[in-house]
Amino acid sequence: NSTLLATMIMLASLLSLFFYLRLAYIITLTLPPNTPNSLATWRTPTKSLPLTAVMNTMALILLPLTPTLVNLM
């Protein structure tokens, strides 16, 4: 019984995959190329914030401790 259900779900997902791939293909064929009228700046000035690096590092360090912290609350 479950194999029939799994087969039906698989066929439905393959049908939707085919539809979305065909839709993406048609969109890429029909969209005009994007040609900007102004000159693009290749190197834009970026400001790096040290807070972003610190927060990313803290999040990665605290990730293994998340189950323990959730159980404490």
PDB file of N, CA and C in Angstrom:
ATOM      1  N   ASN A   1       0.832  -1.186   0.000  1.00  0.00           N
ATOM      2  CA  ASN A   1       0.000   0.000   0.000  1.00  0.00           C
ATOM      3  C   ASN A   1       0.878   1.252   0.000  1.00  0.00           C
ATOM      4  N   SER A   2       1.924   1.255   0.808  1.00  0.00           N
ATOM      5  CA  SER A   2       2.767   2.448   0.872  1.00  0.00           C
ATOM      6  C   SER A   2       3.642   2.586  -0.371  1.00  0.00           C
ATOM      7  N   THR A   3       3.944   1.468  -1.040  1.00  0.00           N
ATOM      8  CA  THR A   3       4.739   1.583  -2.264  1.00  0.00           C
ATOM      9  C   THR A   3       3.935   2.247  -3.375  1.00  0.00           C
ATOM     10  N   LEU A   4       2.633   1.979  -3.414  1.00  0.00           N
ATOM     11  CA  LEU A   4       1.783   2.632  -4.405  1.00  0.00           C
ATOM     12  C   LEU A   4       1.713   4.131  -4.141  1.00  0.00           C
ATOM     13  N   LEU A   5       1.586   4.498  -2.879  1.00  0.00           N
ATOM     14  CA  LEU A   5       1.544   5.912  -2.515  1.00  0.00           C
ATOM     15  C   LEU A   5       2.871   6.596  -2.843  1.00  0.00           C
ATOM     16  N   ALA A   6       3.982   5.938  -2.538  1.00  0.00           N
ATOM     17  CA  ALA A   6       5.295   6.512  -2.833  1.00  0.00           C
ATOM     18  C   ALA A   6       5.497   6.665  -4.336  1.00  0.00           C
ATOM     19  N   THR A   7       5.015   5.706  -5.103  1.00  0.00           N
ATOM     20  CA  THR A   7       5.139   5.787  -6.561  1.00  0.00           C
ATOM     21  C   THR A   7       4.312   6.938  -7.114  1.00  0.00           C
ATOM     22  N   MET A   8       3.119   7.115  -6.597  1.00  0.00           N
ATOM     23  CA  MET A   8       2.268   8.214  -7.058  1.00  0.00           C
ATOM     24  C   MET A   8       2.879   9.571  -6.704  1.00  0.00           C
ATOM     25  N   ILE A   9       3.436   9.684  -5.512  1.00  0.00           N
ATOM     26  CA  ILE A   9       4.077  10.937  -5.110  1.00  0.00           C
ATOM     27  C   ILE A   9       5.293  11.208  -5.981  1.00  0.00           C
ATOM     28  N   MET A  10       6.066  10.176  -6.280  1.00  0.00           N
ATOM     29  CA  MET A  10       7.244  10.334  -7.126  1.00  0.00           C
ATOM     30  C   MET A  10       6.847  10.786  -8.529  1.00  0.00           C
ATOM     31  N   LEU A  11       5.819  10.191  -9.096  1.00  0.00           N
ATOM     32  CA  LEU A  11       5.383  10.576 -10.433  1.00  0.00           C
ATOM     33  C   LEU A  11       4.843  12.002 -10.458  1.00  0.00           C
ATOM     34  N   ALA A  12       4.140  12.385  -9.409  1.00  0.00           N
ATOM     35  CA  ALA A  12       3.630  13.754  -9.344  1.00  0.00           C
ATOM     36  C   ALA A  12       4.774  14.756  -9.224  1.00  0.00           C
ATOM     37  N   SER A  13       5.791  14.424  -8.443  1.00  0.00           N
ATOM     38  CA  SER A  13       6.919  15.345  -8.302  1.00  0.00           C
ATOM     39  C   SER A  13       7.730  15.417  -9.591  1.00  0.00           C
ATOM     40  N   LEU A  14       7.862  14.306 -10.303  1.00  0.00           N
ATOM     41  CA  LEU A  14       8.564  14.345 -11.584  1.00  0.00           C
ATOM     42  C   LEU A  14       7.803  15.171 -12.612  1.00  0.00           C
ATOM     43  N   LEU A  15       6.490  15.099 -12.572  1.00  0.00           N
ATOM     44  CA  LEU A  15       5.679  15.901 -13.479  1.00  0.00           C
ATOM     45  C   LEU A  15       5.852  17.388 -13.188  1.00  0.00           C
ATOM     46  N   SER A  16       5.846  17.761 -11.913  1.00  0.00           N
ATOM     47  CA  SER A  16       6.036  19.171 -11.579  1.00  0.00           C
ATOM     48  C   SER A  16       7.460  19.620 -11.888  1.00  0.00           C
ATOM     49  N   LEU A  17       8.449  18.741 -11.703  1.00  0.00           N
ATOM     50  CA  LEU A  17       9.824  19.082 -12.063  1.00  0.00           C
ATOM     51  C   LEU A  17       9.936  19.347 -13.559  1.00  0.00           C
ATOM     52  N   PHE A  18       9.309  18.503 -14.361  1.00  0.00           N
ATOM     53  CA  PHE A  18       9.314  18.700 -15.811  1.00  0.00           C
ATOM     54  C   PHE A  18       8.672  20.025 -16.174  1.00  0.00           C
ATOM     55  N   PHE A  19       7.560  20.358 -15.533  1.00  0.00           N
ATOM     56  CA  PHE A  19       6.872  21.611 -15.816  1.00  0.00           C
ATOM     57  C   PHE A  19       7.750  22.810 -15.489  1.00  0.00           C
ATOM     58  N   TYR A  20       8.366  22.819 -14.301  1.00  0.00           N
ATOM     59  CA  TYR A  20       9.163  23.967 -13.894  1.00  0.00           C
ATOM     60  C   TYR A  20      10.456  24.078 -14.699  1.00  0.00           C
ATOM     61  N   LEU A  21      11.063  22.975 -15.080  1.00  0.00           N
ATOM     62  CA  LEU A  21      12.246  23.045 -15.936  1.00  0.00           C
ATOM     63  C   LEU A  21      11.890  23.600 -17.312  1.00  0.00           C
ATOM     64  N   ARG A  22      10.763  23.177 -17.842  1.00  0.00           N
ATOM     65  CA  ARG A  22      10.322  23.684 -19.143  1.00  0.00           C
ATOM     66  C   ARG A  22       9.980  25.163 -19.054  1.00  0.00           C
ATOM     67  N   LEU A  23       9.355  25.583 -17.956  1.00  0.00           N
ATOM     68  CA  LEU A  23       9.033  26.990 -17.755  1.00  0.00           C
ATOM     69  C   LEU A  23      10.302  27.833 -17.662  1.00  0.00           C
ATOM     70  N   ALA A  24      11.296  27.363 -16.934  1.00  0.00           N
ATOM     71  CA  ALA A  24      12.554  28.103 -16.821  1.00  0.00           C
ATOM     72  C   ALA A  24      13.261  28.183 -18.165  1.00  0.00           C
ATOM     73  N   TYR A  25      13.219  27.115 -18.938  1.00  0.00           N
ATOM     74  CA  TYR A  25      13.844  27.109 -20.260  1.00  0.00           C
ATOM     75  C   TYR A  25      13.169  28.111 -21.186  1.00  0.00           C
ATOM     76  N   ILE A  26      11.851  28.153 -21.174  1.00  0.00           N
ATOM     77  CA  ILE A  26      11.122  29.079 -22.042  1.00  0.00           C
ATOM     78  C   ILE A  26      11.370  30.519 -21.613  1.00  0.00           C
ATOM     79  N   ILE A  27      11.442  30.756 -20.314  1.00  0.00           N
ATOM     80  CA  ILE A  27      11.702  32.117 -19.833  1.00  0.00           C
ATOM     81  C   ILE A  27      13.088  32.579 -20.250  1.00  0.00           C
ATOM     82  N   THR A  28      14.087  31.698 -20.149  1.00  0.00           N
ATOM     83  CA  THR A  28      15.434  32.108 -20.550  1.00  0.00           C
ATOM     84  C   THR A  28      15.529  32.344 -22.051  1.00  0.00           C
ATOM     85  N   LEU A  29      14.724  31.673 -22.827  1.00  0.00           N
ATOM     86  CA  LEU A  29      14.757  31.903 -24.269  1.00  0.00           C
ATOM     87  C   LEU A  29      14.040  33.186 -24.673  1.00  0.00           C
ATOM     88  N   THR A  30      12.999  33.562 -23.944  1.00  0.00           N
ATOM     89  CA  THR A  30      12.189  34.699 -24.370  1.00  0.00           C
ATOM     90  C   THR A  30      12.589  36.017 -23.731  1.00  0.00           C
ATOM     91  N   LEU A  31      13.344  36.009 -22.647  1.00  0.00           N
ATOM     92  CA  LEU A  31      13.747  37.267 -22.029  1.00  0.00           C
ATOM     93  C   LEU A  31      14.833  37.932 -22.866  1.00  0.00           C
ATOM     94  N   PRO A  32      14.722  39.238 -23.062  1.00  0.00           N
ATOM     95  CA  PRO A  32      15.779  39.920 -23.814  1.00  0.00           C
ATOM     96  C   PRO A  32      17.031  40.051 -22.948  1.00  0.00           C
ATOM     97  N   PRO A  33      18.186  40.198 -23.574  1.00  0.00           N
ATOM     98  CA  PRO A  33      19.401  40.377 -22.773  1.00  0.00           C
ATOM     99  C   PRO A  33      19.385  41.730 -22.072  1.00  0.00           C
ATOM    100  N   ASN A  34      19.983  41.776 -20.926  1.00  0.00           N
ATOM    101  CA  ASN A  34      19.997  42.997 -20.135  1.00  0.00           C
ATOM    102  C   ASN A  34      21.227  43.811 -20.518  1.00  0.00           C
ATOM    103  N   THR A  35      21.020  44.861 -21.307  1.00  0.00           N
ATOM    104  CA  THR A  35      22.124  45.730 -21.704  1.00  0.00           C
ATOM    105  C   THR A  35      21.935  47.085 -21.035  1.00  0.00           C
ATOM    106  N   PRO A  36      22.726  47.384 -20.036  1.00  0.00           N
ATOM    107  CA  PRO A  36      22.566  48.680 -19.358  1.00  0.00           C
ATOM    108  C   PRO A  36      23.080  49.820 -20.233  1.00  0.00           C
ATOM    109  N   ASN A  37      22.439  50.957 -20.107  1.00  0.00           N
ATOM    110  CA  ASN A  37      22.830  52.121 -20.902  1.00  0.00           C
ATOM    111  C   ASN A  37      24.007  52.865 -20.290  1.00  0.00           C
ATOM    112  N   SER A  38      24.200  52.733 -19.003  1.00  0.00           N
ATOM    113  CA  SER A  38      25.302  53.430 -18.348  1.00  0.00           C
ATOM    114  C   SER A  38      26.453  52.464 -18.101  1.00  0.00           C
ATOM    115  N   LEU A  39      27.615  53.032 -17.878  1.00  0.00           N
ATOM    116  CA  LEU A  39      28.781  52.205 -17.588  1.00  0.00           C
ATOM    117  C   LEU A  39      28.686  51.662 -16.164  1.00  0.00           C
ATOM    118  N   ALA A  40      28.971  50.418 -16.012  1.00  0.00           N
ATOM    119  CA  ALA A  40      28.908  49.797 -14.695  1.00  0.00           C
ATOM    120  C   ALA A  40      30.242  49.968 -13.987  1.00  0.00           C
ATOM    121  N   THR A  41      30.167  50.255 -12.703  1.00  0.00           N
ATOM    122  CA  THR A  41      31.399  50.325 -11.917  1.00  0.00           C
ATOM    123  C   THR A  41      31.764  48.914 -11.495  1.00  0.00           C
ATOM    124  N   TRP A  42      32.976  48.531 -11.787  1.00  0.00           N
ATOM    125  CA  TRP A  42      33.377  47.156 -11.521  1.00  0.00           C
ATOM    126  C   TRP A  42      33.724  46.943 -10.062  1.00  0.00           C
ATOM    127  N   ARG A  43      34.322  47.921  -9.458  1.00  0.00           N
ATOM    128  CA  ARG A  43      34.696  47.773  -8.054  1.00  0.00           C
ATOM    129  C   ARG A  43      33.947  48.821  -7.243  1.00  0.00           C
ATOM    130  N   THR A  44      32.962  48.375  -6.542  1.00  0.00           N
ATOM    131  CA  THR A  44      32.216  49.292  -5.700  1.00  0.00           C
ATOM    132  C   THR A  44      32.868  49.332  -4.327  1.00  0.00           C
ATOM    133  N   PRO A  45      32.904  50.478  -3.701  1.00  0.00           N
ATOM    134  CA  PRO A  45      33.522  50.551  -2.373  1.00  0.00           C
ATOM    135  C   PRO A  45      32.660  49.820  -1.347  1.00  0.00           C
ATOM    136  N   THR A  46      33.284  48.942  -0.600  1.00  0.00           N
ATOM    137  CA  THR A  46      32.560  48.193   0.428  1.00  0.00           C
ATOM    138  C   THR A  46      33.176  48.481   1.783  1.00  0.00           C
ATOM    139  N   LYS A  47      32.310  48.634   2.753  1.00  0.00           N
ATOM    140  CA  LYS A  47      32.771  48.812   4.119  1.00  0.00           C
ATOM    141  C   LYS A  47      32.580  47.491   4.848  1.00  0.00           C
ATOM    142  N   SER A  48      33.641  46.971   5.378  1.00  0.00           N
ATOM    143  CA  SER A  48      33.527  45.718   6.118  1.00  0.00           C
ATOM    144  C   SER A  48      33.297  46.029   7.591  1.00  0.00           C
ATOM    145  N   LEU A  49      32.274  45.428   8.135  1.00  0.00           N
ATOM    146  CA  LEU A  49      31.961  45.630   9.538  1.00  0.00           C
ATOM    147  C   LEU A  49      32.546  44.489  10.364  1.00  0.00           C
ATOM    148  N   PRO A  50      33.319  44.790  11.387  1.00  0.00           N
ATOM    149  CA  PRO A  50      33.862  43.710  12.214  1.00  0.00           C
ATOM    150  C   PRO A  50      32.770  43.009  13.017  1.00  0.00           C
ATOM    151  N   LEU A  51      31.648  43.675  13.224  1.00  0.00           N
ATOM    152  CA  LEU A  51      30.563  43.061  13.981  1.00  0.00           C
ATOM    153  C   LEU A  51      30.010  41.840  13.258  1.00  0.00           C
ATOM    154  N   THR A  52      29.958  41.874  11.950  1.00  0.00           N
ATOM    155  CA  THR A  52      29.456  40.737  11.178  1.00  0.00           C
ATOM    156  C   THR A  52      30.340  39.519  11.365  1.00  0.00           C
ATOM    157  N   ALA A  53      31.636  39.704  11.317  1.00  0.00           N
ATOM    158  CA  ALA A  53      32.557  38.585  11.499  1.00  0.00           C
ATOM    159  C   ALA A  53      32.458  38.018  12.907  1.00  0.00           C
ATOM    160  N   VAL A  54      32.335  38.882  13.893  1.00  0.00           N
ATOM    161  CA  VAL A  54      32.233  38.422  15.281  1.00  0.00           C
ATOM    162  C   VAL A  54      30.939  37.651  15.494  1.00  0.00           C
ATOM    163  N   MET A  55      29.835  38.153  14.957  1.00  0.00           N
ATOM    164  CA  MET A  55      28.548  37.478  15.140  1.00  0.00           C
ATOM    165  C   MET A  55      28.513  36.134  14.418  1.00  0.00           C
ATOM    166  N   ASN A  56      29.106  36.053  13.229  1.00  0.00           N
ATOM    167  CA  ASN A  56      29.161  34.772  12.522  1.00  0.00           C
ATOM    168  C   ASN A  56      29.996  33.759  13.281  1.00  0.00           C
ATOM    169  N   THR A  57      31.119  34.195  13.822  1.00  0.00           N
ATOM    170  CA  THR A  57      31.970  33.294  14.596  1.00  0.00           C
ATOM    171  C   THR A  57      31.255  32.813  15.847  1.00  0.00           C
ATOM    172  N   MET A  58      30.572  33.718  16.532  1.00  0.00           N
ATOM    173  CA  MET A  58      29.845  33.317  17.744  1.00  0.00           C
ATOM    174  C   MET A  58      28.713  32.350  17.413  1.00  0.00           C
ATOM    175  N   ALA A  59      28.030  32.581  16.312  1.00  0.00           N
ATOM    176  CA  ALA A  59      26.937  31.688  15.926  1.00  0.00           C
ATOM    177  C   ALA A  59      27.454  30.299  15.598  1.00  0.00           C
ATOM    178  N   LEU A  60      28.588  30.222  14.908  1.00  0.00           N
ATOM    179  CA  LEU A  60      29.152  28.912  14.579  1.00  0.00           C
ATOM    180  C   LEU A  60      29.663  28.187  15.811  1.00  0.00           C
ATOM    181  N   ILE A  61      30.204  28.926  16.764  1.00  0.00           N
ATOM    182  CA  ILE A  61      30.691  28.294  17.993  1.00  0.00           C
ATOM    183  C   ILE A  61      29.525  27.819  18.849  1.00  0.00           C
ATOM    184  N   LEU A  62      28.451  28.596  18.900  1.00  0.00           N
ATOM    185  CA  LEU A  62      27.307  28.245  19.743  1.00  0.00           C
ATOM    186  C   LEU A  62      26.386  27.212  19.113  1.00  0.00           C
ATOM    187  N   LEU A  63      26.552  26.909  17.836  1.00  0.00           N
ATOM    188  CA  LEU A  63      25.669  25.961  17.167  1.00  0.00           C
ATOM    189  C   LEU A  63      25.668  24.579  17.810  1.00  0.00           C
ATOM    190  N   PRO A  64      26.813  23.997  18.172  1.00  0.00           N
ATOM    191  CA  PRO A  64      26.759  22.687  18.839  1.00  0.00           C
ATOM    192  C   PRO A  64      26.149  22.738  20.237  1.00  0.00           C
ATOM    193  N   LEU A  65      26.139  23.904  20.852  1.00  0.00           N
ATOM    194  CA  LEU A  65      25.585  24.035  22.199  1.00  0.00           C
ATOM    195  C   LEU A  65      24.085  24.308  22.208  1.00  0.00           C
ATOM    196  N   THR A  66      23.471  24.444  21.062  1.00  0.00           N
ATOM    197  CA  THR A  66      22.059  24.796  20.985  1.00  0.00           C
ATOM    198  C   THR A  66      21.142  23.790  21.674  1.00  0.00           C
ATOM    199  N   PRO A  67      21.299  22.470  21.481  1.00  0.00           N
ATOM    200  CA  PRO A  67      20.405  21.547  22.193  1.00  0.00           C
ATOM    201  C   PRO A  67      20.514  21.657  23.709  1.00  0.00           C
ATOM    202  N   THR A  68      21.713  21.889  24.204  1.00  0.00           N
ATOM    203  CA  THR A  68      21.891  22.040  25.647  1.00  0.00           C
ATOM    204  C   THR A  68      21.211  23.305  26.139  1.00  0.00           C
ATOM    205  N   LEU A  69      21.355  24.388  25.402  1.00  0.00           N
ATOM    206  CA  LEU A  69      20.726  25.642  25.805  1.00  0.00           C
ATOM    207  C   LEU A  69      19.206  25.558  25.736  1.00  0.00           C
ATOM    208  N   VAL A  70      18.677  24.824  24.781  1.00  0.00           N
ATOM    209  CA  VAL A  70      17.226  24.666  24.674  1.00  0.00           C
ATOM    210  C   VAL A  70      16.701  23.842  25.841  1.00  0.00           C
ATOM    211  N   ASN A  71      17.445  22.816  26.251  1.00  0.00           N
ATOM    212  CA  ASN A  71      17.006  21.989  27.373  1.00  0.00           C
ATOM    213  C   ASN A  71      17.082  22.721  28.693  1.00  0.00           C
ATOM    214  N   LEU A  72      17.939  23.715  28.812  1.00  0.00           N
ATOM    215  CA  LEU A  72      18.041  24.476  30.049  1.00  0.00           C
ATOM    216  C   LEU A  72      16.873  25.431  30.227  1.00  0.00           C
ATOM    217  N   MET A  73      16.221  25.806  29.151  1.00  0.00           N
ATOM    218  CA  MET A  73      15.119  26.770  29.248  1.00  0.00           C
ATOM    219  C   MET A  73      13.815  26.112  29.553  1.00  0.00           C
TER     220      MET A  73
END
